[in-house]
C-alpha atoms as a PDB file:
ATOM      1  CA  MET A   1     125.224  -6.763-115.650  1.00  0.00           C
ATOM      2  CA  THR A   2     127.503  -9.692-114.828  1.00  0.00           C
ATOM      3  CA  TRP A   3     129.680  -7.549-112.590  1.00  0.00           C
ATOM      4  CA  HIS A   4     126.587  -6.353-110.805  1.00  0.00           C
ATOM      5  CA  TRP A   5     125.643  -9.932-109.841  1.00  0.00           C
ATOM      6  CA  ILE A   6     129.206 -10.737-108.808  1.00  0.00           C
ATOM      7  CA  GLY A   7     129.296  -7.639-106.595  1.00  0.00           C
ATOM      8  CA  LEU A   8     125.975  -8.508-104.982  1.00  0.00           C
ATOM      9  CA  ALA A   9     127.053 -12.050-104.270  1.00  0.00           C
ATOM     10  CA  LEU A  10     130.350 -10.982-102.750  1.00  0.00           C
ATOM     11  CA  ILE A  11     129.039  -8.087-100.699  1.00  0.00           C
ATOM     12  CA  PHE A  12     126.034  -9.887 -99.266  1.00  0.00           C
ATOM     13  CA  SER A  13     127.858 -13.120 -98.533  1.00  0.00           C
ATOM     14  CA  LEU A  14     131.314 -11.989 -97.416  1.00  0.00           C
ATOM     15  CA  THR A  15     130.327  -8.972 -95.327  1.00  0.00           C
ATOM     16  CA  PRO A  16     128.698 -10.869 -92.433  1.00  0.00           C
ATOM     17  CA  PHE A  17     131.038 -13.866 -92.736  1.00  0.00           C
ATOM     18  CA  PRO A  18     133.576 -12.775 -90.052  1.00  0.00           C
ATOM     19  CA  ALA A  19     130.800 -11.983 -87.587  1.00  0.00           C
ATOM     20  CA  ASP A  20     129.140 -15.341 -88.260  1.00  0.00           C
ATOM     21  CA  LEU A  21     132.399 -17.197 -87.707  1.00  0.00           C
ATOM     22  CA  ALA A  22     132.947 -15.322 -84.461  1.00  0.00           C
ATOM     23  CA  MET A  23     129.478 -16.281 -83.275  1.00  0.00           C
ATOM     24  CA  ILE A  24     129.955 -19.924 -84.277  1.00  0.00           C
ATOM     25  CA  THR A  25     133.230 -20.170 -82.367  1.00  0.00           C
ATOM     26  CA  GLY A  26     131.781 -18.300 -79.379  1.00  0.00           C
ATOM     27  CA  ARG A  27     134.146 -15.328 -79.607  1.00  0.00           C
ATOM     28  CA  ILE A  28     131.876 -12.367 -79.090  1.00  0.00           C
ATOM     29  CA  PRO A  29     132.148  -9.480 -76.623  1.00  0.00           C
ATOM     30  CA  GLU A  30     130.842 -10.133 -73.126  1.00  0.00           C
ATOM     31  CA  ARG A  31     128.354  -7.267 -73.333  1.00  0.00           C
ATOM     32  CA  LEU A  32     126.630  -8.950 -76.284  1.00  0.00           C
ATOM     33  CA  ARG A  33     126.476 -12.448 -74.809  1.00  0.00           C
ATOM     34  CA  THR A  34     123.203 -11.870 -72.970  1.00  0.00           C
ATOM     35  CA  ARG A  35     121.436 -10.617 -76.098  1.00  0.00           C
ATOM     36  CA  LEU A  36     122.835 -13.190 -78.510  1.00  0.00           C
ATOM     37  CA  THR A  37     122.352 -16.424 -76.596  1.00  0.00           C
ATOM     38  CA  PRO A  38     122.723 -19.087 -77.887  1.00  0.00           C
ATOM     39  CA  THR A  39     125.474 -17.612 -80.020  1.00  0.00           C
ATOM     40  CA  ARG A  40     126.552 -20.694 -81.950  1.00  0.00           C
ATOM     41  CA  THR A  41     123.043 -21.489 -83.083  1.00  0.00           C
ATOM     42  CA  ARG A  42     122.462 -17.922 -84.208  1.00  0.00           C
ATOM     43  CA  GLY A  43     125.789 -17.920 -86.011  1.00  0.00           C
ATOM     44  CA  TRP A  44     124.784 -20.959 -88.059  1.00  0.00           C
ATOM     45  CA  ALA A  45     121.344 -19.488 -88.744  1.00  0.00           C
ATOM     46  CA  VAL A  46     122.704 -16.169 -89.985  1.00  0.00           C
ATOM     47  CA  LEU A  47     125.332 -17.944 -92.058  1.00  0.00           C
ATOM     48  CA  ALA A  48     122.604 -20.022 -93.719  1.00  0.00           C
ATOM     49  CA  LEU A  49     120.499 -16.938 -94.409  1.00  0.00           C
ATOM     50  CA  TYR A  50     123.370 -15.057 -96.013  1.00  0.00           C
ATOM     51  CA  ALA A  51     124.407 -18.090 -98.064  1.00  0.00           C
ATOM     52  CA  VAL A  52     121.248 -17.532-100.085  1.00  0.00           C
ATOM     53  CA  ALA A  53     122.734 -14.473-101.845  1.00  0.00           C
ATOM     54  CA  PRO A  54     125.461 -16.312-103.773  1.00  0.00           C
ATOM     55  CA  LEU A  55     123.122 -19.246-104.399  1.00  0.00           C
ATOM     56  CA  ASN A  56     120.766 -16.881-106.191  1.00  0.00           C
ATOM     57  CA  ALA A  57     123.293 -14.599-107.873  1.00  0.00           C
ATOM     58  CA  ILE A  58     126.033 -16.846-109.211  1.00  0.00           C
ATOM     59  CA  PRO A  59     123.860 -19.292-111.224  1.00  0.00           C
ATOM     60  CA  ARG A  60     122.115 -16.401-112.933  1.00  0.00           C
ATOM     61  CA  MET A  61     125.402 -15.618-114.636  1.00  0.00           C
ATOM     62  CA  ALA A  62     125.403 -19.083-116.213  1.00  0.00           C
ATOM     63  CA  GLY A  63     122.307 -18.170-118.185  1.00  0.00           C
ATOM     64  CA  SER A  64     120.721 -21.597-118.030  1.00  0.00           C
ATOM     65  CA  PRO A  65     117.129 -21.500-116.763  1.00  0.00           C
ATOM     66  CA  ALA A  66     117.381 -25.046-115.385  1.00  0.00           C
ATOM     67  CA  ILE A  67     120.477 -24.247-113.313  1.00  0.00           C
ATOM     68  CA  THR A  68     118.928 -21.012-112.084  1.00  0.00           C
ATOM     69  CA  LEU A  69     115.731 -22.781-111.059  1.00  0.00           C
ATOM     70  CA  ALA A  70     117.615 -25.541-109.237  1.00  0.00           C
ATOM     71  CA  ALA A  71     119.857 -23.071-107.414  1.00  0.00           C
ATOM     72  CA  THR A  72     116.859 -20.961-106.413  1.00  0.00           C
ATOM     73  CA  ALA A  73     115.156 -24.054-105.010  1.00  0.00           C
ATOM     74  CA  VAL A  74     118.278 -24.924-103.014  1.00  0.00           C
ATOM     75  CA  ALA A  75     118.497 -21.324-101.808  1.00  0.00           C
ATOM     76  CA  GLY A  76     114.901 -21.499-100.620  1.00  0.00           C
ATOM     77  CA  ILE A  77     115.617 -24.681 -98.669  1.00  0.00           C
ATOM     78  CA  VAL A  78     118.727 -23.112 -97.113  1.00  0.00           C
ATOM     79  CA  ALA A  79     116.752 -19.984 -96.153  1.00  0.00           C
ATOM     80  CA  VAL A  80     113.976 -21.998 -94.531  1.00  0.00           C
ATOM     81  CA  THR A  81     116.565 -24.071 -92.669  1.00  0.00           C
ATOM     82  CA  GLY A  82     118.225 -20.895 -91.380  1.00  0.00           C
ATOM     83  CA  CYS A  83     114.896 -19.526 -90.193  1.00  0.00           C
ATOM     84  CA  VAL A  84     114.029 -22.777 -88.418  1.00  0.00           C
ATOM     85  CA  VAL A  85     117.450 -22.937 -86.749  1.00  0.00           C
ATOM     86  CA  ALA A  86     116.978 -19.346 -85.572  1.00  0.00           C
ATOM     87  CA  ALA A  87     113.448 -19.984 -84.287  1.00  0.00           C
ATOM     88  CA  ILE A  88     114.054 -23.191 -82.329  1.00  0.00           C
ATOM     89  CA  PRO A  89     115.970 -21.605 -79.397  1.00  0.00           C
ATOM     90  CA  ALA A  90     113.342 -18.881 -79.095  1.00  0.00           C
ATOM     91  CA  LEU A  91     110.590 -21.480 -78.943  1.00  0.00           C
ATOM     92  CA  ARG A  92     112.482 -23.490 -76.338  1.00  0.00           C
ATOM     93  CA  THR A  93     112.933 -20.494 -74.051  1.00  0.00           C
ATOM     94  CA  ALA A  94     109.274 -19.518 -74.487  1.00  0.00           C
ATOM     95  CA  LYS A  95     108.157 -22.984 -73.371  1.00  0.00           C
ATOM     96  CA  THR A  96     110.401 -23.026 -70.292  1.00  0.00           C
ATOM     97  CA  ALA A  97     109.444 -19.511 -69.179  1.00  0.00           C
END
């Protein structure tokens, strides 16, 4: 079961990592720029959302309920922060339109 959690944490956190870094640095294809604006903000938001996977999976291997509960609380805060960061640009464009 331990290897299962390690695999989940690695797959769900490392798979989107190169795409997130590309969005944060602004290096995305021109044809996607119109759909992904603002790219840096979305890159940070997606990175925060995918950081939740290792925050939930890795402490479960420790076996301590207190550590698992604390890491799950931190993961929830990170997920909410990612959602807010993703929603703010959409709300700004809706107000100006």
